[in-house]
Structure formats: structure tokens, C-alpha cells
Amino acid sequence: MEEIDELLNSYRESARNLWNVYIRHQILRNEKEYSPWEISDEFDDLCTILFHMLVLKPLGQMNYQKTASYKATKDALPFIHVAPKHEVQILINREKNETSGYWDYPVNSLKPNMADIRFVDYFDFDKLGYRNFEYYHVRIVSSDEFPDLIERDALLIPQHVNILFQKDY
């Protein structure tokens, strides 16, 4: 597997700057004309295209697409692995197979190799304010130690993990 942290960081910085400097201000200027959530959803559509250009295309994965964050069902990208560098804090969703908004599952840390984790998207709790793309939104696809974590979504801090590309996918 190949480390691709720089590709993800390039996307992160581009999308953050686009939202925080240019698009977020439309919410303040156009409250009567457009719903703030409409602007946020349109930005998420732009992010899908930007992610395709800056991450998926360089990886040769043009048949895949990052799911917009407003979609009810989000797909993990099966060839992008998220690997903890050391024991890391993790926020795991209460519900399986959906994102309920409650990130309070009792397991709150993982060590390297405890789970097979795949990238879904970046995540911020505040969708209308300044965005930092503070967390990786991930899906746990397997875990021998914690089988109940399988198919749960979780949040991880980017600085504590490596992003790996599975070339033979």
C-alpha cells in the first residue's frame, strides 16, 4: 500500500479555503434568497468534483466518487485505508449502517491493526460556520477484537492516522 496523506491534505486545504473564504459568506449575504442548507449542499456537490480531480483521478480511480455529506447513505471508498499511527481516540456512531448524529459508542480508542478502516469523507460538526475538516469520517469494515464495530461509522483526527491507497483494488 502507498501512503497518500498529501493527496488528501491537498483536497482538504482546497475545500476548506473555498468554503471559508468564498462560499460561507454567501450564507450571510443571501439569507432571504437561498437557504443556508441549500448553499451548504451545493458546496458539498463541488467537493465531490474537487475530490475526484485532486484525489481519485491521480489514483486512477475514475469510476468512484466521494458521496456528498448531505446524502443519507454514504459509501466508503474501498481502496482508501485509514491506519492509526498509535493508539488513537475515536468517536464511533451509536447506530450501525447509518449516521445517527450520536458519536457515543462505548469503545473510544483503537490501537493500530485493531480494525480495518476505510475513508468516507471529512467531517465537521458545524456545517454552516467555518469549516476545518476536523475529522476523517470513516467506516469500520472489519475488526477481530471488536466485531460489533463492523459497519459502524466513526470519526478520527487526521494528524493521528495515515491514509493508505490499496493499489491492486
Protein backbone atom coordinates (compact mmCIF):
# COMPACT_ATOMS: atom_id res chain seq x y z
CA MET A 1 0.00 0.00 0.00
CA GLU A 2 1.08 3.54 -0.76
CA GLU A 3 0.79 6.45 1.67
CA ILE A 4 -1.39 9.23 0.18
CA ASP A 5 -1.71 11.72 3.04
CA GLU A 6 -0.53 14.56 0.78
CA LEU A 7 -3.32 13.95 -1.76
CA LEU A 8 -5.94 14.12 0.99
CA ASN A 9 -4.30 17.19 2.52
CA SER A 10 -4.31 18.94 -0.85
CA TYR A 11 -8.05 18.33 -1.17
CA ARG A 12 -8.64 19.37 2.46
CA GLU A 13 -6.84 22.69 2.09
CA SER A 14 -8.53 23.49 -1.23
CA ALA A 15 -12.04 22.72 0.02
CA ARG A 16 -11.55 24.49 3.37
CA ASN A 17 -10.29 27.62 1.65
CA LEU A 18 -13.10 27.59 -0.90
CA TRP A 19 -15.75 27.33 1.84
CA ASN A 20 -14.24 29.63 4.47
CA VAL A 21 -13.07 32.43 2.17
CA TYR A 22 -15.62 32.45 -0.63
CA ILE A 23 -18.77 30.37 -0.19
CA ARG A 24 -19.59 30.67 3.51
CA HIS A 25 -20.13 34.41 3.10
CA GLN A 26 -22.97 33.74 0.66
CA ILE A 27 -24.97 32.44 3.60
CA LEU A 28 -24.69 35.81 5.31
CA ARG A 29 -25.43 37.80 2.15
CA ASN A 30 -28.28 35.69 0.73
CA GLU A 31 -30.34 34.58 3.73
CA LYS A 32 -33.58 35.70 2.07
CA GLU A 33 -32.86 34.32 -1.40
CA TYR A 34 -31.29 30.96 -0.57
CA SER A 35 -31.48 28.59 2.33
CA PRO A 36 -28.15 28.23 4.17
CA TRP A 37 -28.56 24.45 3.79
CA GLU A 38 -29.02 24.82 0.03
CA ILE A 39 -25.68 26.66 -0.17
CA SER A 40 -24.04 24.01 2.04
CA ASP A 41 -25.41 21.20 -0.16
CA GLU A 42 -24.21 22.92 -3.35
CA PHE A 43 -20.77 23.25 -1.76
CA ASP A 44 -20.79 19.53 -0.96
CA ASP A 45 -21.53 18.85 -4.63
CA LEU A 46 -18.50 20.98 -5.53
CA CYS A 47 -16.44 18.98 -3.03
CA THR A 48 -17.40 15.74 -4.77
CA ILE A 49 -15.98 17.11 -8.02
CA LEU A 50 -12.90 18.59 -6.32
CA PHE A 51 -12.18 15.28 -4.56
CA HIS A 52 -12.48 13.47 -7.87
CA MET A 53 -9.98 15.84 -9.51
CA LEU A 54 -7.44 16.06 -6.68
CA VAL A 55 -7.57 12.55 -5.20
CA LEU A 56 -9.39 9.95 -7.27
CA LYS A 57 -8.06 10.90 -10.70
CA PRO A 58 -4.37 10.86 -9.63
CA LEU A 59 -5.01 7.43 -8.09
CA GLY A 60 -6.51 6.13 -11.33
CA GLN A 61 -9.87 5.55 -9.61
CA MET A 62 -12.10 7.49 -12.00
CA ASN A 63 -15.01 5.03 -11.64
CA TYR A 64 -15.51 6.02 -8.00
CA GLN A 65 -16.95 9.10 -6.37
CA LYS A 66 -16.95 10.52 -2.85
CA THR A 67 -20.51 10.73 -1.57
CA ALA A 68 -21.77 14.23 -0.76
CA SER A 69 -22.09 14.68 3.00
CA TYR A 70 -25.81 15.54 2.83
CA LYS A 71 -26.68 12.12 1.40
CA ALA A 72 -28.39 9.77 3.86
CA THR A 73 -26.30 6.79 2.77
CA LYS A 74 -22.59 7.35 2.31
CA ASP A 75 -20.21 4.89 0.70
CA ALA A 76 -16.73 4.24 1.98
CA LEU A 77 -14.02 4.25 -0.67
CA PRO A 78 -12.82 0.63 -0.53
CA PHE A 79 -9.25 1.33 -1.68
CA ILE A 80 -8.51 4.16 0.81
CA HIS A 81 -7.46 2.72 4.18
CA VAL A 82 -7.18 4.79 7.35
CA ALA A 83 -4.48 3.43 9.65
CA PRO A 84 -3.91 4.73 13.21
CA LYS A 85 -0.26 5.64 13.86
CA HIS A 86 -0.59 4.75 17.56
CA GLU A 87 -3.45 4.28 20.00
CA VAL A 88 -5.94 6.93 18.93
CA GLN A 89 -9.13 8.42 20.27
CA ILE A 90 -12.13 7.57 18.10
CA LEU A 91 -15.75 8.69 18.10
CA ILE A 92 -17.91 5.79 16.95
CA ASN A 93 -21.50 6.15 15.85
CA ARG A 94 -24.18 4.71 18.10
CA GLU A 95 -26.02 3.07 15.17
CA LYS A 96 -24.80 0.60 12.56
CA ASN A 97 -25.20 1.28 8.86
CA GLU A 98 -26.25 4.89 9.39
CA THR A 99 -25.00 8.13 10.86
CA SER A 100 -27.40 9.00 13.67
CA GLY A 101 -25.55 12.08 14.86
CA TYR A 102 -24.61 10.36 18.12
CA TRP A 103 -20.92 9.54 18.27
CA ASP A 104 -21.03 7.91 21.71
CA TYR A 105 -20.43 4.18 21.23
CA PRO A 106 -18.60 2.85 24.32
CA VAL A 107 -15.35 1.94 22.52
CA ASN A 108 -13.43 5.22 22.38
CA SER A 109 -9.90 4.27 21.33
CA LEU A 110 -8.23 1.94 18.86
CA LYS A 111 -4.68 0.71 18.53
CA PRO A 112 -3.01 0.07 15.17
CA ASN A 113 -4.25 -3.07 13.41
CA MET A 114 -7.32 -3.45 15.64
CA ALA A 115 -9.68 -2.66 12.77
CA ASP A 116 -9.80 -2.30 9.01
CA ILE A 117 -10.97 1.29 8.48
CA ARG A 118 -11.93 2.96 5.18
CA PHE A 119 -12.29 6.63 4.24
CA VAL A 120 -15.76 8.09 3.68
CA ASP A 121 -15.23 11.88 3.83
CA TYR A 122 -14.07 14.75 6.01
CA PHE A 123 -16.38 15.87 8.81
CA ASP A 124 -17.14 18.98 10.84
CA PHE A 125 -19.92 19.27 13.39
CA ASP A 126 -20.77 22.81 12.25
CA LYS A 127 -21.78 22.70 8.58
CA LEU A 128 -22.66 26.41 8.27
CA GLY A 129 -19.80 28.08 10.17
CA TYR A 130 -16.09 27.99 9.49
CA ARG A 131 -15.05 24.52 8.43
CA ASN A 132 -11.79 22.96 9.42
CA PHE A 133 -12.43 19.46 8.05
CA GLU A 134 -11.50 18.48 11.58
CA TYR A 135 -12.17 14.74 11.35
CA TYR A 136 -11.96 11.89 8.91
CA HIS A 137 -15.39 10.31 8.61
CA VAL A 138 -14.58 6.60 8.27
CA ARG A 139 -16.27 3.22 8.19
CA ILE A 140 -15.02 0.22 10.13
CA VAL A 141 -15.18 -2.77 7.77
CA SER A 142 -13.65 -5.45 9.99
CA SER A 143 -12.31 -5.99 13.49
CA ASP A 144 -11.41 -9.29 15.15
CA GLU A 145 -11.19 -7.66 18.57
CA PHE A 146 -14.45 -5.67 18.31
CA PRO A 147 -16.81 -7.43 15.84
CA ASP A 148 -19.70 -5.17 16.88
CA LEU A 149 -17.83 -2.21 15.36
CA ILE A 150 -18.15 -3.65 11.84
CA GLU A 151 -20.27 -1.37 9.61
CA ARG A 152 -20.20 1.49 12.11
CA ASP A 153 -19.11 4.94 11.04
CA ALA A 154 -16.56 6.77 13.15
CA LEU A 155 -14.57 10.00 13.38
CA LEU A 156 -10.77 10.20 13.62
CA ILE A 157 -8.41 13.18 13.86
CA PRO A 158 -6.32 13.31 10.64
CA GLN A 159 -2.99 14.01 12.40
CA HIS A 160 -3.19 10.67 14.24
CA VAL A 161 -3.58 8.40 11.20
CA ASN A 162 -2.00 7.57 7.86
CA ILE A 163 -4.01 7.32 4.67
CA LEU A 164 -3.05 4.37 2.50
CA PHE A 165 -4.01 3.55 -1.08
CA GLN A 166 -4.56 -0.11 -1.93
CA LYS A 167 -3.12 -0.17 -5.47
CA ASP A 168 -4.44 -3.56 -6.50
CA TYR A 169 -8.07 -2.73 -5.84
